[in-house]
Amino acid sequence: MGVNQIQRTVQQRSFEFALSVIRLYKKLQARQEFILSPQLLRSGTSIGIHVEEAMAQPNSADRVQQMAIASKNARETHYWLKLLQESKLVDVDVSPELEQIEDLLRLLTDLA
């Protein structure tokens, strides 16, 4: 898979992941989880924003920098998901989102 194809795949999957995070956030809010859910929403949706910005950059150095920021946000999101899972603050299964974020992290690593 070439770099352009990986970038398009990351673009699509980061958008899909943001939608998943929004749905998860709504579930968490409905279950009165107000501690971690705002952090998760912010970091989980920021991944796609930086991927979109990267795709719009005219030169590769700026593109790489934006993808690095997306990767940083993905790692933060992974942390919040693991914390939700292990803390058992609410009875919500986050394993689908964990699989998605781990997949995104692999793709973002391939771009570094």
N, C-alpha and C. Protein backbone atom coordinates (compact mmCIF):
# COMPACT_ATOMS: atom_id res chain seq x y z
N MET A 1 0.85 -1.18 0.00
CA MET A 1 0.00 0.00 0.00
C MET A 1 0.89 1.24 0.00
N GLY A 2 0.68 2.14 -0.96
CA GLY A 2 1.47 3.35 -1.05
C GLY A 2 1.07 4.37 -0.01
N VAL A 3 1.90 5.41 0.13
CA VAL A 3 1.67 6.44 1.14
C VAL A 3 0.34 7.14 0.90
N ASN A 4 0.03 7.47 -0.36
CA ASN A 4 -1.24 8.16 -0.64
C ASN A 4 -2.44 7.30 -0.26
N GLN A 5 -2.34 6.00 -0.55
CA GLN A 5 -3.43 5.09 -0.20
C GLN A 5 -3.57 4.97 1.32
N ILE A 6 -2.45 4.89 2.03
CA ILE A 6 -2.49 4.83 3.50
C ILE A 6 -3.12 6.11 4.04
N GLN A 7 -2.74 7.26 3.47
CA GLN A 7 -3.31 8.53 3.93
C GLN A 7 -4.82 8.57 3.73
N ARG A 8 -5.29 8.12 2.58
CA ARG A 8 -6.73 8.10 2.33
C ARG A 8 -7.44 7.13 3.28
N THR A 9 -6.80 6.00 3.56
CA THR A 9 -7.37 5.03 4.50
C THR A 9 -7.44 5.63 5.90
N VAL A 10 -6.38 6.32 6.31
CA VAL A 10 -6.37 6.97 7.62
C VAL A 10 -7.45 8.04 7.67
N GLN A 11 -7.61 8.78 6.60
CA GLN A 11 -8.62 9.82 6.53
C GLN A 11 -10.02 9.22 6.74
N GLN A 12 -10.31 8.15 6.04
CA GLN A 12 -11.62 7.50 6.15
C GLN A 12 -11.82 6.89 7.53
N ARG A 13 -10.83 6.18 8.02
CA ARG A 13 -10.98 5.49 9.31
C ARG A 13 -11.01 6.46 10.49
N SER A 14 -10.28 7.57 10.38
CA SER A 14 -10.32 8.54 11.47
C SER A 14 -11.69 9.21 11.55
N PHE A 15 -12.32 9.42 10.39
CA PHE A 15 -13.68 9.97 10.38
C PHE A 15 -14.66 8.97 11.00
N GLU A 16 -14.57 7.72 10.58
CA GLU A 16 -15.43 6.68 11.13
C GLU A 16 -15.21 6.52 12.64
N PHE A 17 -13.96 6.63 13.06
CA PHE A 17 -13.66 6.52 14.49
C PHE A 17 -14.28 7.69 15.26
N ALA A 18 -14.21 8.89 14.69
CA ALA A 18 -14.81 10.06 15.35
C ALA A 18 -16.31 9.84 15.56
N LEU A 19 -16.96 9.28 14.57
CA LEU A 19 -18.39 8.97 14.72
C LEU A 19 -18.62 7.96 15.85
N SER A 20 -17.76 6.95 15.94
CA SER A 20 -17.86 5.95 17.02
C SER A 20 -17.66 6.60 18.37
N VAL A 21 -16.71 7.52 18.45
CA VAL A 21 -16.43 8.21 19.72
C VAL A 21 -17.62 9.07 20.14
N ILE A 22 -18.25 9.72 19.18
CA ILE A 22 -19.42 10.54 19.49
C ILE A 22 -20.54 9.66 20.04
N ARG A 23 -20.77 8.51 19.41
CA ARG A 23 -21.80 7.59 19.91
C ARG A 23 -21.45 7.07 21.31
N LEU A 24 -20.18 6.73 21.52
CA LEU A 24 -19.74 6.27 22.84
C LEU A 24 -19.90 7.37 23.88
N TYR A 25 -19.54 8.58 23.52
CA TYR A 25 -19.69 9.73 24.42
C TYR A 25 -21.15 9.88 24.87
N LYS A 26 -22.07 9.76 23.92
CA LYS A 26 -23.49 9.88 24.26
C LYS A 26 -23.91 8.78 25.24
N LYS A 27 -23.41 7.55 25.04
CA LYS A 27 -23.71 6.46 25.97
C LYS A 27 -23.16 6.77 27.36
N LEU A 28 -21.93 7.24 27.39
CA LEU A 28 -21.28 7.54 28.67
C LEU A 28 -22.01 8.66 29.40
N GLN A 29 -22.41 9.68 28.68
CA GLN A 29 -23.15 10.79 29.29
C GLN A 29 -24.49 10.30 29.84
N ALA A 30 -25.16 9.41 29.08
CA ALA A 30 -26.44 8.88 29.54
C ALA A 30 -26.28 8.06 30.82
N ARG A 31 -25.08 7.52 31.03
CA ARG A 31 -24.81 6.73 32.25
C ARG A 31 -24.11 7.57 33.32
N GLN A 32 -24.20 8.87 33.16
CA GLN A 32 -23.67 9.81 34.15
C GLN A 32 -22.15 9.76 34.30
N GLU A 33 -21.43 9.43 33.24
CA GLU A 33 -19.97 9.43 33.30
C GLU A 33 -19.51 10.77 32.74
N PHE A 34 -19.11 11.66 33.64
CA PHE A 34 -18.73 13.02 33.25
C PHE A 34 -17.25 13.30 33.48
N ILE A 35 -16.50 12.32 33.92
CA ILE A 35 -15.08 12.54 34.25
C ILE A 35 -14.20 12.35 33.01
N LEU A 36 -14.27 11.17 32.41
CA LEU A 36 -13.38 10.85 31.29
C LEU A 36 -13.99 11.13 29.92
N SER A 37 -15.32 11.10 29.83
CA SER A 37 -15.96 11.21 28.52
C SER A 37 -15.63 12.50 27.77
N PRO A 38 -15.54 13.67 28.42
CA PRO A 38 -15.19 14.87 27.65
C PRO A 38 -13.77 14.80 27.07
N GLN A 39 -12.85 14.21 27.83
CA GLN A 39 -11.47 14.05 27.34
C GLN A 39 -11.44 13.12 26.14
N LEU A 40 -12.19 12.04 26.24
CA LEU A 40 -12.26 11.07 25.15
C LEU A 40 -12.85 11.71 23.89
N LEU A 41 -13.91 12.46 24.05
CA LEU A 41 -14.55 13.13 22.91
C LEU A 41 -13.58 14.09 22.24
N ARG A 42 -12.87 14.88 23.03
CA ARG A 42 -11.93 15.87 22.48
C ARG A 42 -10.80 15.19 21.72
N SER A 43 -10.14 14.23 22.37
CA SER A 43 -8.98 13.60 21.72
C SER A 43 -9.39 12.71 20.56
N GLY A 44 -10.52 12.01 20.71
CA GLY A 44 -10.96 11.08 19.67
C GLY A 44 -11.41 11.76 18.39
N THR A 45 -11.98 12.96 18.52
CA THR A 45 -12.38 13.69 17.32
C THR A 45 -11.25 14.54 16.75
N SER A 46 -10.24 14.83 17.57
CA SER A 46 -9.10 15.61 17.10
C SER A 46 -8.23 14.86 16.10
N ILE A 47 -8.25 13.54 16.18
CA ILE A 47 -7.43 12.73 15.26
C ILE A 47 -7.79 13.08 13.83
N GLY A 48 -9.06 13.00 13.51
CA GLY A 48 -9.52 13.26 12.15
C GLY A 48 -9.29 14.69 11.70
N ILE A 49 -9.38 15.64 12.61
CA ILE A 49 -9.14 17.04 12.27
C ILE A 49 -7.71 17.20 11.77
N HIS A 50 -6.76 16.60 12.48
CA HIS A 50 -5.35 16.73 12.08
C HIS A 50 -5.04 15.93 10.82
N VAL A 51 -5.71 14.82 10.62
CA VAL A 51 -5.53 14.07 9.37
C VAL A 51 -6.04 14.91 8.21
N GLU A 52 -7.19 15.54 8.37
CA GLU A 52 -7.73 16.41 7.31
C GLU A 52 -6.77 17.56 7.01
N GLU A 53 -6.23 18.16 8.06
CA GLU A 53 -5.27 19.25 7.87
C GLU A 53 -4.02 18.74 7.15
N ALA A 54 -3.58 17.54 7.49
CA ALA A 54 -2.40 16.96 6.85
C ALA A 54 -2.64 16.78 5.35
N MET A 55 -3.82 16.29 5.01
CA MET A 55 -4.14 16.04 3.61
C MET A 55 -4.17 17.32 2.78
N ALA A 56 -4.41 18.44 3.44
CA ALA A 56 -4.48 19.72 2.74
C ALA A 56 -3.13 20.42 2.62
N GLN A 57 -2.10 19.89 3.27
CA GLN A 57 -0.79 20.55 3.25
C GLN A 57 -0.10 20.37 1.90
N PRO A 58 0.45 21.46 1.37
CA PRO A 58 1.10 21.37 0.06
C PRO A 58 2.46 20.68 0.08
N ASN A 59 3.13 20.69 1.22
CA ASN A 59 4.44 20.03 1.25
C ASN A 59 4.47 18.90 2.27
N SER A 60 5.35 17.96 2.04
CA SER A 60 5.37 16.74 2.84
C SER A 60 5.80 16.98 4.29
N ALA A 61 6.65 17.97 4.54
CA ALA A 61 7.09 18.23 5.92
C ALA A 61 5.91 18.66 6.79
N ASP A 62 5.06 19.52 6.26
CA ASP A 62 3.87 19.96 7.01
C ASP A 62 2.88 18.82 7.16
N ARG A 63 2.78 17.98 6.13
CA ARG A 63 1.88 16.83 6.18
C ARG A 63 2.32 15.87 7.28
N VAL A 64 3.62 15.60 7.34
CA VAL A 64 4.17 14.69 8.36
C VAL A 64 3.94 15.26 9.75
N GLN A 65 4.10 16.57 9.90
CA GLN A 65 3.89 17.20 11.21
C GLN A 65 2.44 17.04 11.67
N GLN A 66 1.49 17.26 10.78
CA GLN A 66 0.09 17.11 11.14
C GLN A 66 -0.26 15.66 11.45
N MET A 67 0.31 14.72 10.70
CA MET A 67 0.07 13.30 10.98
C MET A 67 0.66 12.91 12.33
N ALA A 68 1.78 13.53 12.70
CA ALA A 68 2.39 13.26 14.02
C ALA A 68 1.47 13.75 15.13
N ILE A 69 0.81 14.89 14.91
CA ILE A 69 -0.14 15.40 15.91
C ILE A 69 -1.35 14.46 15.98
N ALA A 70 -1.80 13.97 14.83
CA ALA A 70 -2.91 13.00 14.81
C ALA A 70 -2.52 11.75 15.60
N SER A 71 -1.30 11.29 15.42
CA SER A 71 -0.81 10.11 16.14
C SER A 71 -0.78 10.37 17.65
N LYS A 72 -0.36 11.56 18.04
CA LYS A 72 -0.34 11.93 19.46
C LYS A 72 -1.75 11.88 20.04
N ASN A 73 -2.72 12.41 19.30
CA ASN A 73 -4.11 12.37 19.75
C ASN A 73 -4.64 10.95 19.80
N ALA A 74 -4.23 10.12 18.87
CA ALA A 74 -4.65 8.71 18.87
C ALA A 74 -4.11 8.00 20.10
N ARG A 75 -2.88 8.27 20.47
CA ARG A 75 -2.30 7.65 21.66
C ARG A 75 -3.03 8.12 22.93
N GLU A 76 -3.36 9.39 22.97
CA GLU A 76 -4.12 9.91 24.11
C GLU A 76 -5.49 9.24 24.18
N THR A 77 -6.14 9.10 23.05
CA THR A 77 -7.46 8.46 23.00
C THR A 77 -7.37 7.02 23.45
N HIS A 78 -6.33 6.33 23.03
CA HIS A 78 -6.12 4.94 23.46
C HIS A 78 -6.01 4.89 24.98
N TYR A 79 -5.30 5.83 25.55
CA TYR A 79 -5.15 5.90 27.01
C TYR A 79 -6.51 6.06 27.70
N TRP A 80 -7.34 7.00 27.20
CA TRP A 80 -8.64 7.23 27.82
C TRP A 80 -9.52 5.99 27.71
N LEU A 81 -9.48 5.32 26.58
CA LEU A 81 -10.28 4.11 26.40
C LEU A 81 -9.83 3.01 27.36
N LYS A 82 -8.52 2.82 27.49
CA LYS A 82 -8.01 1.81 28.43
C LYS A 82 -8.41 2.17 29.86
N LEU A 83 -8.33 3.43 30.19
CA LEU A 83 -8.70 3.88 31.53
C LEU A 83 -10.19 3.62 31.80
N LEU A 84 -11.03 3.90 30.82
CA LEU A 84 -12.46 3.60 30.97
C LEU A 84 -12.69 2.11 31.16
N GLN A 85 -11.99 1.31 30.37
CA GLN A 85 -12.14 -0.13 30.45
C GLN A 85 -11.70 -0.67 31.80
N GLU A 86 -10.55 -0.27 32.24
CA GLU A 86 -9.97 -0.81 33.48
C GLU A 86 -10.61 -0.24 34.75
N SER A 87 -11.03 1.02 34.70
CA SER A 87 -11.60 1.65 35.91
C SER A 87 -13.01 1.15 36.21
N LYS A 88 -13.68 0.68 35.16
CA LYS A 88 -15.06 0.21 35.30
C LYS A 88 -15.97 1.29 35.91
N LEU A 89 -15.73 2.54 35.52
CA LEU A 89 -16.59 3.63 35.99
C LEU A 89 -18.03 3.43 35.55
N VAL A 90 -18.18 2.88 34.35
CA VAL A 90 -19.52 2.58 33.82
C VAL A 90 -19.46 1.23 33.12
N ASP A 91 -20.63 0.64 33.01
CA ASP A 91 -20.73 -0.66 32.35
C ASP A 91 -20.97 -0.45 30.85
N VAL A 92 -19.90 -0.09 30.14
CA VAL A 92 -19.96 0.13 28.70
C VAL A 92 -18.77 -0.61 28.07
N ASP A 93 -19.05 -1.36 27.03
CA ASP A 93 -18.00 -2.10 26.33
C ASP A 93 -17.28 -1.15 25.36
N VAL A 94 -16.00 -0.93 25.60
CA VAL A 94 -15.22 -0.05 24.72
C VAL A 94 -14.27 -0.85 23.82
N SER A 95 -14.40 -2.18 23.82
CA SER A 95 -13.47 -2.98 23.01
C SER A 95 -13.57 -2.68 21.51
N PRO A 96 -14.75 -2.37 20.93
CA PRO A 96 -14.74 -2.02 19.50
C PRO A 96 -13.93 -0.75 19.22
N GLU A 97 -14.04 0.23 20.11
CA GLU A 97 -13.29 1.48 19.93
C GLU A 97 -11.80 1.24 20.15
N LEU A 98 -11.46 0.35 21.08
CA LEU A 98 -10.06 0.02 21.29
C LEU A 98 -9.46 -0.64 20.04
N GLU A 99 -10.22 -1.52 19.41
CA GLU A 99 -9.74 -2.14 18.17
C GLU A 99 -9.55 -1.10 17.08
N GLN A 100 -10.50 -0.18 16.97
CA GLN A 100 -10.40 0.86 15.95
C GLN A 100 -9.18 1.75 16.18
N ILE A 101 -8.95 2.14 17.42
CA ILE A 101 -7.84 3.07 17.69
C ILE A 101 -6.51 2.37 17.51
N GLU A 102 -6.44 1.09 17.85
CA GLU A 102 -5.19 0.36 17.64
C GLU A 102 -4.89 0.22 16.15
N ASP A 103 -5.91 0.02 15.35
CA ASP A 103 -5.75 -0.02 13.90
C ASP A 103 -5.28 1.33 13.36
N LEU A 104 -5.89 2.40 13.85
CA LEU A 104 -5.47 3.74 13.43
C LEU A 104 -4.02 4.02 13.82
N LEU A 105 -3.65 3.62 15.02
CA LEU A 105 -2.26 3.82 15.46
C LEU A 105 -1.27 3.10 14.56
N ARG A 106 -1.61 1.88 14.14
CA ARG A 106 -0.72 1.15 13.22
C ARG A 106 -0.58 1.91 11.89
N LEU A 107 -1.70 2.38 11.37
CA LEU A 107 -1.67 3.12 10.11
C LEU A 107 -0.87 4.41 10.24
N LEU A 108 -1.10 5.13 11.32
CA LEU A 108 -0.37 6.38 11.53
C LEU A 108 1.12 6.14 11.70
N THR A 109 1.48 5.03 12.34
CA THR A 109 2.89 4.66 12.49
C THR A 109 3.53 4.38 11.15
N ASP A 110 2.76 3.76 10.24
CA ASP A 110 3.27 3.49 8.88
C ASP A 110 3.58 4.77 8.13
N LEU A 111 2.91 5.87 8.49
CA LEU A 111 3.13 7.14 7.81
C LEU A 111 4.31 7.91 8.39
N ALA A 112 4.76 7.52 9.55
CA ALA A 112 5.86 8.26 10.21
C ALA A 112 7.21 7.92 9.59
